[in-house]
Amino acid sequence: MTKRIVIIDKDRCNPKKCPYNCMNVCPPQRAEKKVFSIDDDGFPVVDENLCIGCGVCVKSCNFGAIKIAKLPAPIEGSLIHRYGPNQFELYRLPLISQGQVTGLVGQNATENNLPKNSGWHN
């Protein structure tokens, strides 16, 4: 099952000129759930646990600062990093661990593409 999250682009959002339509039209917010709050800089913040991902806030934003992103279903036990609330999650990336060999093979991993002084030439 996919998850829908609200992403607010702080470069487009203009709290000083905004009537916070996103907050006023949000169905759960209108039902007195605290989906939206305002941070110290005046930007709206969405509680992803209360947001239903309906997209009504997207249509109401005067500045086009709100987007809905569809995320794939979480992969159990494979979360590597999360950028923060309402941010993307990274799964199953190679991790470099002390005492373990990590090999990444790509276009430049052939003998002809290695620098002559790399020690990898015969």
Protein backbone atom coordinates (compact mmCIF):
# COMPACT_ATOMS: atom_id res chain seq x y z
CA MET A 1 0.00 0.00 0.00
CA THR A 2 1.35 3.40 -0.93
CA LYS A 3 1.55 6.31 1.44
CA ARG A 4 0.79 9.91 0.47
CA ILE A 5 2.65 12.72 2.19
CA VAL A 6 2.33 16.49 1.96
CA ILE A 7 5.48 18.38 1.02
CA ILE A 8 5.62 22.13 1.54
CA ASP A 9 8.14 24.00 -0.61
CA LYS A 10 9.48 26.71 1.68
CA ASP A 11 10.94 28.56 -1.31
CA ARG A 12 7.45 29.08 -2.73
CA CYS A 13 5.52 29.44 0.54
CA ASN A 14 5.07 33.05 1.62
CA PRO A 15 3.80 33.14 5.23
CA LYS A 16 3.77 36.95 5.36
CA LYS A 17 1.22 37.17 2.52
CA CYS A 18 -0.64 33.93 3.17
CA PRO A 19 -4.11 33.53 4.70
CA TYR A 20 -3.23 29.84 5.39
CA ASN A 21 -5.95 28.48 3.13
CA CYS A 22 -4.33 25.06 3.43
CA MET A 23 -5.19 24.96 7.11
CA ASN A 24 -8.70 26.30 6.63
CA VAL A 25 -9.78 23.72 4.02
CA CYS A 26 -8.12 20.59 5.46
CA PRO A 27 -10.93 18.10 6.30
CA PRO A 28 -9.28 16.62 9.42
CA GLN A 29 -8.26 20.11 10.59
CA ARG A 30 -11.87 21.24 10.20
CA ALA A 31 -12.84 18.25 12.35
CA GLU A 32 -10.63 19.77 15.08
CA LYS A 33 -7.60 17.53 14.56
CA LYS A 34 -4.30 19.39 14.74
CA VAL A 35 -3.00 18.39 11.27
CA PHE A 36 -1.42 21.77 10.57
CA SER A 37 0.69 23.85 12.92
CA ILE A 38 2.87 26.90 12.34
CA ASP A 39 6.63 26.79 12.94
CA ASP A 40 8.71 29.63 14.40
CA ASP A 41 9.24 31.15 10.94
CA GLY A 42 5.53 31.15 10.11
CA PHE A 43 5.59 28.15 7.75
CA PRO A 44 2.84 25.54 7.98
CA VAL A 45 3.93 22.11 9.20
CA VAL A 46 1.87 18.98 8.54
CA ASP A 47 1.53 16.15 11.04
CA GLU A 48 1.91 13.16 8.74
CA ASN A 49 0.18 10.87 11.23
CA LEU A 50 -3.03 12.91 11.03
CA CYS A 51 -2.90 13.94 7.35
CA ILE A 52 -5.13 11.79 5.13
CA GLY A 53 -3.37 12.82 1.89
CA CYS A 54 -6.58 14.06 0.24
CA GLY A 55 -4.88 16.94 -1.61
CA VAL A 56 -7.45 19.62 -0.80
CA CYS A 57 -4.66 21.80 0.62
CA VAL A 58 -2.74 21.56 -2.67
CA LYS A 59 -5.60 23.14 -4.60
CA SER A 60 -6.12 25.89 -2.04
CA CYS A 61 -2.52 27.15 -1.84
CA ASN A 62 -2.20 30.59 -3.45
CA PHE A 63 1.53 30.10 -4.06
CA GLY A 64 1.63 26.53 -5.41
CA ALA A 65 3.86 25.57 -2.50
CA ILE A 66 2.14 22.32 -1.53
CA LYS A 67 2.56 19.01 -3.30
CA ILE A 68 1.44 15.46 -2.58
CA ALA A 69 4.04 12.73 -3.02
CA LYS A 70 3.17 9.07 -3.26
CA LEU A 71 5.63 6.86 -1.45
CA PRO A 72 5.86 3.11 -1.90
CA ALA A 73 4.95 0.86 0.98
CA PRO A 74 7.72 0.70 3.58
CA ILE A 75 10.14 -2.21 3.35
CA GLU A 76 10.24 -3.87 6.75
CA GLY A 77 13.61 -3.56 8.50
CA SER A 78 15.40 -1.89 5.58
CA LEU A 79 15.07 1.82 6.40
CA ILE A 80 18.51 3.43 6.09
CA HIS A 81 17.79 7.15 6.49
CA ARG A 82 14.88 9.54 6.78
CA TYR A 83 15.33 13.23 6.09
CA GLY A 84 12.68 14.29 8.63
CA PRO A 85 8.92 14.52 9.12
CA ASN A 86 7.09 14.61 5.77
CA GLN A 87 10.38 13.84 4.06
CA PHE A 88 11.60 10.98 1.94
CA GLU A 89 12.92 7.69 3.28
CA LEU A 90 15.84 5.73 1.83
CA TYR A 91 15.81 1.94 1.80
CA ARG A 92 18.36 -0.77 0.97
CA LEU A 93 21.35 1.38 0.15
CA PRO A 94 24.84 -0.08 0.45
CA LEU A 95 26.30 0.80 3.83
CA ILE A 96 30.01 1.10 4.39
CA SER A 97 30.89 -0.65 7.63
CA GLN A 98 34.22 -0.78 9.40
CA GLY A 99 36.01 -4.08 8.85
CA GLN A 100 33.84 -5.11 5.88
CA VAL A 101 34.58 -4.92 2.17
CA THR A 102 32.13 -2.90 0.13
CA GLY A 103 32.39 -3.09 -3.64
CA LEU A 104 30.49 -0.86 -6.00
CA VAL A 105 30.81 -1.81 -9.65
CA GLY A 106 30.06 0.73 -12.30
CA GLN A 107 31.17 2.04 -15.65
CA ASN A 108 34.64 3.06 -14.41
CA ALA A 109 35.44 -0.25 -12.73
CA THR A 110 37.11 -1.77 -15.79
CA GLU A 111 40.86 -2.04 -16.17
CA ASN A 112 40.96 0.29 -19.18
CA ASN A 113 39.32 3.12 -17.25
CA LEU A 114 41.53 2.95 -14.15
CA PRO A 115 44.34 5.47 -13.72
CA LYS A 116 47.73 4.00 -14.70
CA ASN A 117 49.18 4.64 -11.22
CA SER A 118 46.23 3.09 -9.34
CA GLY A 119 48.06 -0.18 -8.69
CA TRP A 120 45.29 -2.18 -10.35
CA HIS A 121 47.12 -2.72 -13.66
CA ASN A 122 49.33 -5.77 -14.28
